[in-house]
Protein backbone atom coordinates (compact mmCIF):
# COMPACT_ATOMS: atom_id res chain seq x y z
CA MET A 1 -1.76 -89.03 52.24
CA GLY A 2 -5.45 -88.26 52.50
CA GLY A 3 -8.34 -90.14 50.98
CA PRO A 4 -8.92 -93.85 50.31
CA LYS A 5 -5.94 -96.06 49.51
CA PHE A 6 -7.17 -96.68 45.95
CA VAL A 7 -6.46 -93.05 44.95
CA ARG A 8 -2.81 -94.11 44.57
CA PHE A 9 -3.88 -96.21 41.56
CA PHE A 10 -5.40 -93.33 39.53
CA SER A 11 -2.16 -92.54 37.74
CA PRO A 12 -1.07 -96.20 37.35
CA VAL A 13 -4.38 -97.02 35.64
CA ILE A 14 -3.77 -94.21 33.15
CA GLU A 15 -0.15 -95.26 32.58
CA ALA A 16 -1.18 -98.91 32.15
CA LEU A 17 -3.78 -98.00 29.53
CA LYS A 18 -1.15 -95.98 27.69
CA GLU A 19 1.22 -98.96 27.68
CA LEU A 20 -1.60 -101.21 26.40
CA GLY A 21 -2.35 -98.88 23.48
CA GLY A 22 -5.29 -97.01 24.98
CA SER A 23 -7.47 -99.92 26.09
CA GLY A 24 -7.24 -103.21 27.92
CA ARG A 25 -9.15 -105.83 29.83
CA PRO A 26 -9.11 -105.46 33.64
CA VAL A 27 -6.67 -108.35 34.16
CA GLU A 28 -4.26 -106.82 31.63
CA VAL A 29 -4.41 -103.44 33.37
CA ARG A 30 -3.84 -105.04 36.77
CA ASP A 31 -0.88 -107.06 35.50
CA VAL A 32 0.81 -103.94 34.10
CA ILE A 33 0.23 -102.02 37.34
CA ALA A 34 1.57 -104.90 39.43
CA ARG A 35 4.69 -105.05 37.29
CA GLN A 36 5.24 -101.28 37.25
CA LEU A 37 4.77 -100.91 41.01
CA ASN A 38 6.43 -104.22 41.99
CA ILE A 39 3.27 -105.39 43.74
CA SER A 40 4.14 -108.57 45.65
CA GLU A 41 2.33 -111.89 45.37
CA GLN A 42 1.12 -111.44 48.94
CA GLU A 43 -0.38 -108.03 48.12
CA ARG A 44 -2.08 -109.39 44.99
CA THR A 45 -3.69 -112.26 46.89
CA ASP A 46 -4.70 -110.41 50.07
CA LEU A 47 -8.50 -110.74 50.35
CA LEU A 48 -11.29 -108.49 51.57
CA ASP A 49 -13.89 -109.85 53.98
CA GLY A 50 -16.17 -110.45 50.98
CA GLY A 51 -13.57 -112.73 49.37
CA ALA A 52 -12.46 -110.42 46.54
CA PRO A 53 -8.73 -109.68 46.09
CA ARG A 54 -8.02 -106.32 47.72
CA PHE A 55 -5.58 -105.20 45.00
CA ASP A 56 -8.07 -105.99 42.20
CA ASN A 57 -10.81 -104.18 44.07
CA GLU A 58 -8.75 -101.03 44.68
CA VAL A 59 -7.80 -100.85 41.00
CA ALA A 60 -11.50 -101.26 40.12
CA TRP A 61 -12.40 -98.40 42.47
CA ALA A 62 -9.72 -96.21 40.86
CA ARG A 63 -11.19 -96.95 37.43
CA PHE A 64 -14.73 -96.23 38.75
CA TYR A 65 -13.71 -92.70 39.81
CA LEU A 66 -11.75 -92.09 36.60
CA VAL A 67 -14.90 -92.97 34.62
CA LYS A 68 -16.96 -90.59 36.74
CA ALA A 69 -14.32 -87.90 36.09
CA GLY A 70 -14.60 -88.44 32.33
CA LEU A 71 -11.04 -89.71 31.90
CA VAL A 72 -11.89 -93.35 31.17
CA ASP A 73 -14.85 -94.65 29.16
CA SER A 74 -17.47 -96.92 30.60
CA SER A 75 -17.89 -100.27 28.84
CA ARG A 76 -20.43 -103.06 28.99
CA ARG A 77 -18.06 -105.45 27.25
CA GLY A 78 -15.38 -105.68 29.92
CA VAL A 79 -12.80 -103.44 28.20
CA TRP A 80 -11.35 -100.35 29.88
CA SER A 81 -10.38 -97.54 27.52
CA PHE A 82 -9.46 -93.86 27.45
CA SER A 83 -11.87 -91.06 26.75
CA ASP A 84 -10.52 -88.20 24.62
CA LYS A 85 -9.98 -86.23 27.83
CA GLY A 86 -8.04 -89.06 29.45
CA ARG A 87 -5.90 -89.69 26.38
CA ALA A 88 -4.48 -86.17 26.68
CA ILE A 89 -3.18 -86.74 30.22
CA GLU A 90 0.44 -87.80 30.57
CA SER A 91 0.36 -88.65 34.27
CA LEU A 92 -1.19 -87.55 37.55
CA SER A 93 0.51 -86.50 40.76
CA TYR A 94 -1.08 -87.79 43.95
CA ASP A 95 -2.40 -84.29 44.72
CA GLU A 96 -4.05 -84.13 41.30
CA ALA A 97 -5.51 -87.61 41.77
CA PHE A 98 -6.82 -86.69 45.22
CA ASN A 99 -8.43 -83.54 43.83
CA ILE A 100 -10.18 -85.64 41.19
CA PHE A 101 -11.40 -87.97 43.93
CA LYS A 102 -12.75 -85.09 46.05
CA GLN A 103 -14.48 -83.45 43.07
CA VAL A 104 -16.19 -86.64 41.93
CA HIS A 105 -16.99 -87.70 45.49
CA SER A 106 -18.78 -84.42 46.15
CA GLU A 107 -20.96 -84.98 43.09
CA PHE A 108 -22.40 -88.12 44.68
CA GLN A 109 -24.37 -85.87 47.01
CA GLY A 110 -28.02 -86.28 46.13
CA GLU A 111 -27.39 -89.04 43.58
CA ARG A 112 -28.59 -92.62 43.91
CA ASP A 113 -24.97 -93.63 44.41
CA SER A 114 -24.99 -91.82 47.73
CA ASP A 115 -26.02 -94.84 49.80
CA ALA A 116 -23.16 -96.92 48.37
CA VAL A 117 -20.44 -94.28 48.40
CA GLU A 118 -21.17 -90.94 50.01
CA SER A 119 -22.49 -92.35 53.29
CA GLN A 120 -19.19 -94.11 53.95
CA PRO A 121 -16.09 -92.47 55.44
CA GLU A 122 -13.64 -91.70 52.65
CA GLU A 123 -10.97 -93.99 54.04
CA THR A 124 -13.25 -97.08 54.03
CA ILE A 125 -14.78 -96.86 50.54
CA GLY A 126 -12.14 -99.16 49.07
CA GLU A 127 -13.03 -101.84 51.65
CA THR A 128 -16.36 -102.48 49.90
CA ILE A 129 -16.74 -104.21 46.54
CA ALA A 130 -16.34 -101.76 43.65
CA PRO A 131 -19.29 -101.45 41.26
CA ASN A 132 -18.80 -103.67 38.21
CA ASP A 133 -19.40 -100.69 35.96
CA THR A 134 -20.53 -97.09 36.32
CA VAL A 135 -23.90 -98.07 34.86
CA VAL A 136 -24.44 -100.22 37.95
CA ASN A 137 -26.49 -98.49 40.63
CA ASP A 138 -26.39 -98.81 44.37
CA ASP A 139 -27.59 -102.41 44.11
CA SER A 140 -24.09 -103.42 42.93
CA SER A 141 -23.80 -105.12 46.33
CA TYR A 142 -25.76 -107.99 44.77
CA ARG A 143 -22.38 -109.42 43.69
CA LYS A 144 -21.30 -109.55 47.32
CA LYS A 145 -24.61 -111.18 48.27
CA LEU A 146 -24.25 -113.71 45.47
CA LEU A 147 -20.70 -114.57 46.55
CA GLU A 148 -21.88 -115.01 50.14
CA ILE A 149 -24.55 -117.44 48.97
CA LEU A 150 -22.04 -119.43 46.92
CA THR A 151 -19.55 -119.72 49.78
CA SER A 152 -22.30 -120.77 52.21
CA LEU A 153 -23.41 -123.74 50.09
CA PRO A 154 -22.46 -127.24 51.22
CA PRO A 155 -19.76 -128.86 49.06
CA SER A 156 -22.24 -131.14 47.30
CA GLY A 157 -24.56 -128.21 46.60
CA PHE A 158 -21.74 -126.16 45.11
CA GLU A 159 -20.78 -129.11 42.89
CA ARG A 160 -24.36 -129.41 41.59
CA LEU A 161 -24.51 -125.65 41.02
CA CYS A 162 -21.28 -125.82 38.98
CA GLN A 163 -22.85 -128.70 37.04
CA ARG A 164 -25.81 -126.45 36.22
CA LEU A 165 -23.48 -123.59 35.27
CA LEU A 166 -21.55 -125.82 32.85
CA ARG A 167 -24.78 -127.09 31.30
CA GLU A 168 -26.03 -123.52 30.83
CA SER A 169 -22.66 -122.72 29.20
CA GLY A 170 -23.11 -125.40 26.52
CA PHE A 171 -21.56 -128.52 28.05
CA GLU A 172 -23.29 -131.84 27.55
CA GLN A 173 -23.41 -135.05 29.58
CA VAL A 174 -22.25 -133.18 32.67
CA VAL A 175 -21.97 -135.62 35.58
CA VAL A 176 -20.94 -134.93 39.17
CA THR A 177 -18.81 -137.80 40.45
CA GLY A 178 -17.36 -136.44 43.66
CA ARG A 179 -15.66 -139.71 44.54
CA SER A 180 -13.10 -139.57 47.30
CA GLY A 181 -9.62 -140.62 46.31
CA ASP A 182 -10.14 -139.47 42.73
CA GLY A 183 -7.49 -136.74 42.80
CA GLY A 184 -10.01 -133.99 43.50
CA ILE A 185 -11.99 -134.56 40.30
CA ASP A 186 -15.60 -133.62 41.01
CA GLY A 187 -17.17 -134.26 37.62
CA GLN A 188 -16.90 -134.49 33.86
CA GLY A 189 -18.65 -133.29 30.74
CA ILE A 190 -18.43 -133.00 26.97
CA LEU A 191 -17.96 -129.73 25.10
CA GLN A 192 -19.22 -130.11 21.52
CA VAL A 193 -17.32 -127.45 19.56
CA ASN A 194 -18.90 -128.37 16.19
CA PRO A 195 -20.37 -131.53 14.58
CA PHE A 196 -16.84 -132.90 14.08
CA VAL A 197 -14.95 -131.78 17.19
CA SER A 198 -15.69 -132.39 20.86
CA PHE A 199 -13.64 -132.38 24.06
CA LYS A 200 -13.97 -134.38 27.22
CA VAL A 201 -13.51 -132.07 30.19
CA LEU A 202 -12.91 -132.87 33.87
CA PHE A 203 -13.75 -130.26 36.46
CA GLN A 204 -13.00 -129.52 40.09
CA CYS A 205 -15.08 -127.31 42.40
CA LYS A 206 -13.42 -125.44 45.27
CA ARG A 207 -15.76 -123.52 47.56
CA TYR A 208 -12.94 -121.38 48.98
CA THR A 209 -12.56 -117.93 50.45
CA GLY A 210 -8.80 -118.10 50.03
CA LEU A 211 -6.21 -119.11 47.46
CA VAL A 212 -5.88 -122.10 45.17
CA THR A 213 -2.17 -122.91 45.05
CA VAL A 214 0.12 -124.20 42.33
CA SER A 215 0.39 -127.60 44.04
CA GLN A 216 -3.38 -128.01 43.89
CA VAL A 217 -3.36 -127.25 40.17
CA ARG A 218 -0.58 -129.81 39.65
CA ASP A 219 -2.46 -132.44 41.66
CA PHE A 220 -5.58 -131.90 39.57
CA ARG A 221 -3.60 -132.17 36.34
CA GLY A 222 -1.99 -135.36 37.56
CA ALA A 223 -5.43 -136.85 38.23
CA MET A 224 -6.74 -135.91 34.79
CA MET A 225 -3.72 -137.06 32.74
CA GLY A 226 -4.79 -139.56 30.08
CA ARG A 227 -8.45 -139.15 30.99
CA ALA A 228 -9.50 -135.85 29.40
CA ASP A 229 -8.46 -133.20 26.87
CA LYS A 230 -8.95 -130.26 29.18
CA GLY A 231 -9.61 -129.42 32.83
CA ILE A 232 -11.54 -126.70 34.63
CA ILE A 233 -11.14 -125.53 38.23
CA LEU A 234 -14.00 -123.39 39.52
CA THR A 235 -13.55 -121.56 42.82
CA THR A 236 -15.21 -118.83 44.82
CA GLY A 237 -11.72 -117.74 45.84
CA THR A 238 -8.77 -116.84 43.65
CA PHE A 239 -5.53 -118.34 42.29
CA THR A 240 -1.92 -117.54 43.06
CA SER A 241 0.12 -116.22 40.15
CA ASP A 242 2.15 -119.47 40.14
CA ALA A 243 -1.08 -121.45 39.86
CA GLN A 244 -2.11 -119.32 36.88
CA LYS A 245 1.22 -119.96 35.16
CA GLU A 246 1.02 -123.69 35.85
CA ALA A 247 -2.46 -123.86 34.32
CA VAL A 248 -1.15 -122.80 30.89
CA ARG A 249 2.30 -124.43 31.02
CA ASP A 250 3.50 -125.75 27.65
CA GLY A 251 3.53 -129.47 26.98
CA VAL A 252 0.71 -130.48 29.34
CA PRO A 253 -3.11 -130.48 29.09
CA PRO A 254 -4.44 -126.95 29.67
CA ILE A 255 -6.55 -126.12 32.70
CA GLU A 256 -9.09 -123.30 32.65
CA LEU A 257 -9.16 -121.34 35.92
CA VAL A 258 -12.45 -119.75 36.96
CA HIS A 259 -11.95 -117.51 40.02
CA GLY A 260 -14.67 -115.93 42.13
CA GLU A 261 -15.06 -112.71 40.13
CA LYS A 262 -15.18 -114.61 36.84
CA LEU A 263 -17.72 -116.98 38.37
CA LEU A 264 -19.95 -114.02 39.26
CA ASP A 265 -19.54 -112.66 35.72
CA MET A 266 -20.79 -115.99 34.34
CA PHE A 267 -23.86 -115.92 36.57
CA GLU A 268 -24.56 -112.39 35.30
CA ARG A 269 -24.09 -113.26 31.64
CA LEU A 270 -26.31 -116.33 31.91
CA GLU A 271 -28.78 -114.55 34.23
CA LEU A 272 -28.55 -117.64 36.41
CA GLY A 273 -30.08 -117.08 39.83
CA LEU A 274 -30.29 -113.35 39.05
CA THR A 275 -33.28 -111.32 37.91
CA PRO A 276 -32.16 -108.49 35.58
CA ARG A 277 -33.69 -105.04 35.60
CA THR A 278 -32.92 -101.81 33.78
CA THR A 279 -32.29 -98.51 35.54
CA TYR A 280 -30.53 -95.23 34.81
CA ASP A 281 -28.26 -92.83 36.65
CA VAL A 282 -27.99 -89.20 35.65
CA ASP A 283 -24.65 -88.39 33.99
CA HIS A 284 -23.90 -84.99 35.52
CA HIS A 285 -20.72 -84.60 33.43
CA PHE A 286 -22.80 -84.63 30.24
CA PHE A 287 -24.76 -81.55 31.32
CA GLN A 288 -21.84 -79.50 32.62
CA GLU A 289 -21.03 -77.92 29.25
CA PHE A 290 -24.59 -76.58 29.01
CA GLN A 291 -24.51 -74.75 32.34
CA SER A 292 -22.83 -71.64 31.03
């Protein structure tokens, strides 16, 4: 089959959105696709050179092209949804999906996106990090640069950065302990929910490019038992599906898992270490109906 590997996910994205009622968060869409296509754990956790999961990235690229084709709506709030045009489609054959790819890809000629997309061979586009949204311009590589900075920090520096992130997110009395032999607990803090309710939270920082396993989640929970109401594991890598299930297992203290992509989202939302700027790309699809 011609074209980038992510073209195979055009139809599954549409079918997943249909199953989810017309809209869904990225993780929900990916979970449906993985179930429908029997994507293995190994495939879901295979990483790109930049540290992002390859499967997640290919699905994101598929969604990027579907937005450009007018089949899926763009969203600043992290929800993928159908456009009216996309809602009318039952499914796509691979040939139809590839034609959509070629049509949209050709429209990048002369646009600001050209440096990020058009200059690359078709087969290698999916090997780069997909833009976070279609409103993101060719500087979307800042997420890759940010991840590279995070993974290059010394362990103590990453712990202090996570401390700052938790403070910016509303935690109080955040202290980095980092004591060896403490079950991997790197620090603690207090989350004041309201004047009457607060939680003590223990956190662990893993400056990884790979996977956090279920055994590591269990070890962390064992270290925090009887000492805190909730735990947080922050990593520049990702978590296995078993680790994700273990984190929310019934009958034990919950553990919040913050993987690399979610970590980058938090830096964006808090504008922490990032300088925001506003720019615009021309929406060529908008003007098409006026050309005749």
